[in-house]
């Protein structure tokens, strides 16, 4: 495909509206300025092999992109193609030390790139069969997802709960939970581990930073992958939309998964166009992408 500067946001929006899940993306710009974008997708309806479903996708993309598209094609790919388009497995240690430092220290990054006032407490006295988890935090897009995926990774079952939103994006959440064996969480070490992980995930559900990649500027966004191997939905769409709002073009992009400190992360590496992005402070790019991902626009 040959897109205008901001076509990626439009394409990801179309694909998500069609219930097509983006698994990987490989974006590159040729010397003549043509952009070649490869989207590796799966269909939640499992109909993408049919002519009607493919034509529906073609039509939706054509309506949005119009004359910007030179050509596009949908085809089933084999392992040899996906292997050639794998993201680089290497992440410089300076990058990993920077954007994953929250798990290693109690020192928080800049306040603007974290949530704040997260409080997690547990109580076994209010229910004969359940542990009550009380969470007070800022609301953000995917808040319940972040809580549920964390509990799922710990094999915790939720019996019922209450959710309140007050002024200033403040949320109060009560969850009555039990372990997989149907018992309360009475072990203090287990309570501490779960409380700490919930607090960490709600303080910084995603990591966002802008770094130098030689003479170029690279935006990195990372989110933890569930133990079931599922990643956070619509991350790439939010990134591209934020850059579109900043009038910042993408030169190349790739999505890869990396094991960092015994945990799998989905990492988005976006190489920004030098001309368009050079006048925008890096901190501004980080903050706007973060706010879009958190739904704070």
Protein backbone atom coordinates (compact mmCIF):
# COMPACT_ATOMS: atom_id res chain seq x y z
CA UNK A 1 0.00 0.00 0.00
CA UNK A 2 1.09 3.55 -0.62
CA UNK A 3 -0.30 5.84 2.09
CA UNK A 4 -0.29 9.47 2.92
CA UNK A 5 1.60 10.31 6.07
CA UNK A 6 -1.24 9.43 8.41
CA UNK A 7 -2.78 6.42 6.66
CA UNK A 8 -1.71 3.92 9.30
CA UNK A 9 -4.19 5.26 11.83
CA UNK A 10 -6.99 4.98 9.28
CA UNK A 11 -6.03 1.45 8.28
CA UNK A 12 -5.79 0.17 11.85
CA UNK A 13 -9.17 1.73 12.60
CA UNK A 14 -10.75 -0.01 9.60
CA UNK A 15 -9.24 -3.36 10.49
CA UNK A 16 -10.39 -3.16 14.10
CA UNK A 17 -13.90 -2.12 13.07
CA UNK A 18 -14.03 -5.21 10.84
CA UNK A 19 -13.04 -7.38 13.81
CA UNK A 20 -9.69 -8.19 12.26
CA UNK A 21 -6.96 -8.56 14.87
CA UNK A 22 -3.50 -7.24 14.03
CA UNK A 23 -0.87 -9.74 15.15
CA UNK A 24 2.18 -8.10 13.62
CA UNK A 25 2.99 -5.11 11.45
CA UNK A 26 5.96 -4.44 9.22
CA UNK A 27 6.12 -0.94 7.77
CA UNK A 28 8.90 0.32 5.51
CA UNK A 29 9.52 3.28 3.23
CA UNK A 30 11.26 2.79 -0.12
CA UNK A 31 13.73 5.31 -1.59
CA UNK A 32 11.07 6.68 -3.95
CA UNK A 33 8.77 7.50 -1.01
CA UNK A 34 6.41 4.57 -1.45
CA UNK A 35 5.24 3.01 1.81
CA UNK A 36 4.89 -0.76 1.94
CA UNK A 37 2.83 -1.98 4.90
CA UNK A 38 2.39 -5.61 5.82
CA UNK A 39 -0.34 -6.37 8.34
CA UNK A 40 -0.43 -9.90 9.69
CA UNK A 41 -4.02 -10.33 10.81
CA UNK A 42 -6.48 -12.92 12.07
CA UNK A 43 -10.23 -12.82 11.63
CA UNK A 44 -12.42 -13.19 14.71
CA UNK A 45 -15.20 -14.35 12.39
CA UNK A 46 -12.86 -16.88 10.70
CA UNK A 47 -14.15 -15.87 7.28
CA UNK A 48 -11.16 -14.11 5.73
CA UNK A 49 -10.59 -17.01 3.35
CA UNK A 50 -13.95 -16.29 1.69
CA UNK A 51 -14.41 -13.97 -1.27
CA UNK A 52 -17.19 -11.96 0.41
CA UNK A 53 -15.12 -11.23 3.50
CA UNK A 54 -12.10 -10.20 1.45
CA UNK A 55 -14.22 -7.92 -0.74
CA UNK A 56 -15.73 -6.36 2.38
CA UNK A 57 -12.22 -5.60 3.63
CA UNK A 58 -11.08 -4.22 0.27
CA UNK A 59 -14.12 -1.94 0.08
CA UNK A 60 -13.67 -0.60 3.61
CA UNK A 61 -9.99 0.19 3.02
CA UNK A 62 -10.73 1.75 -0.36
CA UNK A 63 -13.43 4.01 1.11
CA UNK A 64 -11.01 5.37 3.68
CA UNK A 65 -7.76 5.55 1.70
CA UNK A 66 -9.22 6.40 -1.74
CA UNK A 67 -6.48 7.56 -4.14
CA UNK A 68 -3.69 7.05 -1.60
CA UNK A 69 -3.66 3.31 -2.26
CA UNK A 70 -1.64 1.97 -5.18
CA UNK A 71 -2.54 -1.64 -4.53
CA UNK A 72 -3.45 -4.04 -1.77
CA UNK A 73 -3.83 -7.74 -1.47
CA UNK A 74 -5.03 -10.30 1.06
CA UNK A 75 -3.46 -13.73 1.04
CA UNK A 76 -2.62 -16.53 3.40
CA UNK A 77 1.07 -16.50 4.24
CA UNK A 78 3.36 -19.38 5.00
CA UNK A 79 6.07 -19.68 7.64
CA UNK A 80 8.77 -18.54 5.21
CA UNK A 81 7.08 -15.14 4.83
CA UNK A 82 6.43 -14.60 8.53
CA UNK A 83 10.03 -15.58 9.31
CA UNK A 84 11.35 -12.90 6.95
CA UNK A 85 9.17 -10.27 8.59
CA UNK A 86 9.98 -11.06 12.20
CA UNK A 87 10.84 -8.05 14.32
CA UNK A 88 14.40 -7.77 15.54
CA UNK A 89 14.82 -9.87 18.69
CA UNK A 90 17.42 -7.46 20.04
CA UNK A 91 16.61 -4.59 22.38
CA UNK A 92 19.52 -2.49 23.67
CA UNK A 93 20.03 -2.81 27.42
CA UNK A 94 19.81 0.97 27.81
CA UNK A 95 16.25 0.78 26.50
CA UNK A 96 15.17 -2.12 28.68
CA UNK A 97 16.74 -0.57 31.77
CA UNK A 98 14.86 2.65 31.09
CA UNK A 99 11.33 1.52 30.25
CA UNK A 100 11.16 -1.53 32.50
CA UNK A 101 12.72 -0.03 35.63
CA UNK A 102 9.43 0.08 37.55
CA UNK A 103 9.65 -3.64 38.27
CA UNK A 104 13.14 -3.29 39.69
CA UNK A 105 12.69 -0.23 41.90
CA UNK A 106 10.21 1.75 43.90
CA UNK A 107 11.32 4.89 42.07
CA UNK A 108 8.65 5.98 39.63
CA UNK A 109 9.28 7.60 36.25
CA UNK A 110 7.90 11.04 35.52
CA UNK A 111 4.42 11.50 36.95
CA UNK A 112 2.97 12.33 33.54
CA UNK A 113 3.80 8.82 32.29
CA UNK A 114 2.23 6.95 35.17
CA UNK A 115 -1.11 6.86 36.83
CA UNK A 116 -1.13 8.03 40.44
CA UNK A 117 -2.71 7.49 43.84
CA UNK A 118 -3.09 3.74 43.35
CA UNK A 119 -4.06 1.96 46.56
CA UNK A 120 -4.70 -1.81 46.85
CA UNK A 121 -5.86 -3.41 50.11
CA UNK A 122 -7.14 -6.86 51.04
CA UNK A 123 -9.58 -7.90 53.75
CA UNK A 124 -10.69 -11.39 54.82
CA UNK A 125 -13.11 -10.28 57.54
CA UNK A 126 -16.09 -9.18 55.43
CA UNK A 127 -16.94 -12.47 53.73
CA UNK A 128 -16.87 -16.05 55.00
CA UNK A 129 -15.79 -17.41 51.61
CA UNK A 130 -13.98 -14.59 49.78
CA UNK A 131 -11.08 -12.20 50.06
CA UNK A 132 -12.13 -8.62 49.41
CA UNK A 133 -9.75 -6.65 47.21
CA UNK A 134 -10.31 -2.90 47.32
CA UNK A 135 -8.68 -0.77 44.63
CA UNK A 136 -8.62 3.02 44.47
CA UNK A 137 -7.02 4.45 41.33
CA UNK A 138 -7.41 6.71 38.33
CA UNK A 139 -9.69 5.52 35.56
CA UNK A 140 -8.01 4.75 32.25
CA UNK A 141 -8.86 2.94 29.07
CA UNK A 142 -8.51 -0.78 29.66
CA UNK A 143 -8.61 -0.47 33.45
CA UNK A 144 -10.79 -3.54 33.93
CA UNK A 145 -8.71 -5.39 31.35
CA UNK A 146 -5.53 -4.66 33.32
CA UNK A 147 -7.11 -5.87 36.55
CA UNK A 148 -8.65 -8.99 35.01
CA UNK A 149 -5.53 -10.07 33.12
CA UNK A 150 -3.46 -9.71 36.30
CA UNK A 151 -5.90 -11.82 38.34
CA UNK A 152 -6.07 -14.33 35.50
CA UNK A 153 -2.27 -14.66 35.47
CA UNK A 154 -2.44 -15.42 39.21
CA UNK A 155 -5.23 -17.97 38.63
CA UNK A 156 -7.63 -15.95 40.79
CA UNK A 157 -11.41 -16.21 40.36
CA UNK A 158 -13.78 -13.26 40.79
CA UNK A 159 -17.20 -14.08 42.27
CA UNK A 160 -18.65 -10.59 42.15
CA UNK A 161 -17.64 -6.95 42.46
CA UNK A 162 -18.60 -3.28 42.45
CA UNK A 163 -17.20 -0.44 40.37
CA UNK A 164 -17.60 3.28 41.07
CA UNK A 165 -16.32 6.27 39.12
CA UNK A 166 -16.16 9.62 40.88
CA UNK A 167 -15.11 13.09 39.79
CA UNK A 168 -11.60 13.55 38.51
CA UNK A 169 -11.35 10.04 37.02
CA UNK A 170 -11.15 8.48 40.48
CA UNK A 171 -12.29 4.85 40.61
CA UNK A 172 -13.18 2.68 43.57
CA UNK A 173 -13.37 -1.05 42.88
CA UNK A 174 -14.40 -3.84 45.26
CA UNK A 175 -13.73 -7.41 44.12
CA UNK A 176 -14.63 -10.56 46.04
CA UNK A 177 -12.13 -13.16 44.94
CA UNK A 178 -10.94 -16.67 45.72
CA UNK A 179 -8.11 -18.94 44.68
CA UNK A 180 -8.59 -21.72 42.15
CA UNK A 181 -9.11 -24.15 45.03
CA UNK A 182 -12.14 -22.12 46.17
CA UNK A 183 -10.43 -20.73 49.27
CA UNK A 184 -9.55 -17.25 50.49
CA UNK A 185 -6.07 -15.81 50.15
CA UNK A 186 -4.82 -16.04 53.73
CA UNK A 187 -1.08 -16.38 53.13
CA UNK A 188 0.42 -12.90 53.79
CA UNK A 189 3.14 -13.42 51.19
CA UNK A 190 0.55 -14.25 48.51
CA UNK A 191 -1.50 -11.21 49.50
CA UNK A 192 1.57 -8.99 49.26
CA UNK A 193 2.61 -10.41 45.89
CA UNK A 194 -0.84 -9.94 44.36
CA UNK A 195 -1.29 -6.44 45.83
CA UNK A 196 2.12 -5.35 44.57
CA UNK A 197 1.49 -6.68 41.07
CA UNK A 198 -1.94 -5.03 40.84
CA UNK A 199 -0.48 -1.72 41.99
CA UNK A 200 2.37 -1.95 39.49
CA UNK A 201 0.07 -2.80 36.59
CA UNK A 202 -2.27 0.09 37.37
CA UNK A 203 0.51 2.62 37.93
CA UNK A 204 2.01 1.92 34.51
CA UNK A 205 0.02 -0.53 32.37
CA UNK A 206 2.14 0.43 29.34
CA UNK A 207 5.65 1.79 28.89
CA UNK A 208 6.33 4.68 26.52
CA UNK A 209 9.66 6.27 25.67
CA UNK A 210 11.41 8.07 22.81
CA UNK A 211 15.07 7.21 22.25
CA UNK A 212 17.85 7.87 19.77
CA UNK A 213 18.53 5.15 17.25
CA UNK A 214 21.75 6.39 15.75
CA UNK A 215 20.87 9.64 13.99
CA UNK A 216 17.16 8.76 14.04
CA UNK A 217 14.38 9.03 16.59
CA UNK A 218 12.50 5.94 17.72
CA UNK A 219 9.30 5.67 19.73
CA UNK A 220 8.96 2.52 21.82
CA UNK A 221 5.75 1.33 23.43
CA UNK A 222 5.61 -1.88 25.43
CA UNK A 223 2.82 -3.76 27.16
CA UNK A 224 2.93 -7.07 29.05
CA UNK A 225 1.58 -10.17 27.34
CA UNK A 226 -0.88 -12.36 29.21
CA UNK A 227 0.19 -15.87 30.15
CA UNK A 228 -2.34 -17.01 27.54
CA UNK A 229 -0.14 -15.19 24.94
CA UNK A 230 -2.74 -12.52 24.22
CA UNK A 231 -1.63 -8.92 23.87
CA UNK A 232 -3.40 -5.68 24.71
CA UNK A 233 -5.94 -4.72 22.00
CA UNK A 234 -5.80 -1.57 19.83
CA UNK A 235 -2.36 -0.40 20.97
CA UNK A 236 -1.07 0.20 17.45
CA UNK A 237 -4.21 2.15 16.55
CA UNK A 238 -3.80 4.46 19.55
CA UNK A 239 -0.12 5.02 18.75
CA UNK A 240 -0.77 5.92 15.13
CA UNK A 241 -3.71 8.15 16.05
CA UNK A 242 -1.61 10.07 18.59
CA UNK A 243 1.15 10.60 16.02
CA UNK A 244 -1.44 11.71 13.49
CA UNK A 245 -2.70 14.35 15.94
CA UNK A 246 0.91 15.54 16.34
CA UNK A 247 1.39 15.73 12.55
CA UNK A 248 4.24 13.25 12.95
CA UNK A 249 4.91 10.71 10.21
CA UNK A 250 6.09 7.14 10.59
CA UNK A 251 9.09 6.03 8.55
CA UNK A 252 8.98 2.41 9.65
CA UNK A 253 7.32 0.30 12.32
CA UNK A 254 7.45 -3.21 13.66
CA UNK A 255 5.85 -5.22 16.44
CA UNK A 256 7.76 -7.94 18.24
CA UNK A 257 7.62 -9.97 21.42
CA UNK A 258 10.55 -10.09 23.82
CA UNK A 259 11.32 -11.92 27.04
CA UNK A 260 12.52 -9.27 29.47
CA UNK A 261 13.23 -10.17 33.09
CA UNK A 262 11.31 -13.46 32.86
CA UNK A 263 8.25 -11.81 31.39
CA UNK A 264 7.01 -11.55 27.81
CA UNK A 265 6.36 -8.07 26.43
CA UNK A 266 4.84 -6.87 23.19
CA UNK A 267 7.09 -4.07 21.95
CA UNK A 268 6.15 -1.54 19.28
CA UNK A 269 9.15 0.15 17.66
CA UNK A 270 8.22 3.20 15.59
CA UNK A 271 10.94 5.00 13.63
CA UNK A 272 9.74 8.58 13.20
CA UNK A 273 10.15 10.57 10.03
CA UNK A 274 13.07 12.96 10.54
CA UNK A 275 11.59 15.97 8.80
CA UNK A 276 8.14 15.90 10.36
CA UNK A 277 9.15 14.98 13.90
CA UNK A 278 12.33 17.00 14.38
CA UNK A 279 10.50 20.13 15.55
CA UNK A 280 8.42 18.32 18.19
CA UNK A 281 10.08 17.77 21.58
CA UNK A 282 10.53 14.12 22.45
CA UNK A 283 8.79 14.63 25.77
CA UNK A 284 5.75 15.95 23.92
CA UNK A 285 5.60 12.80 21.77
CA UNK A 286 5.86 10.57 24.84
CA UNK A 287 3.16 12.42 26.74
CA UNK A 288 0.68 12.56 23.86
CA UNK A 289 1.09 8.87 23.01
CA UNK A 290 0.74 7.96 26.69
CA UNK A 291 -2.42 10.03 27.12
CA UNK A 292 -3.98 8.52 24.00
CA UNK A 293 -3.20 4.99 25.18
CA UNK A 294 -4.68 5.77 28.59
CA UNK A 295 -7.77 7.43 27.10
CA UNK A 296 -7.01 10.75 28.76
CA UNK A 297 -7.70 12.93 25.71
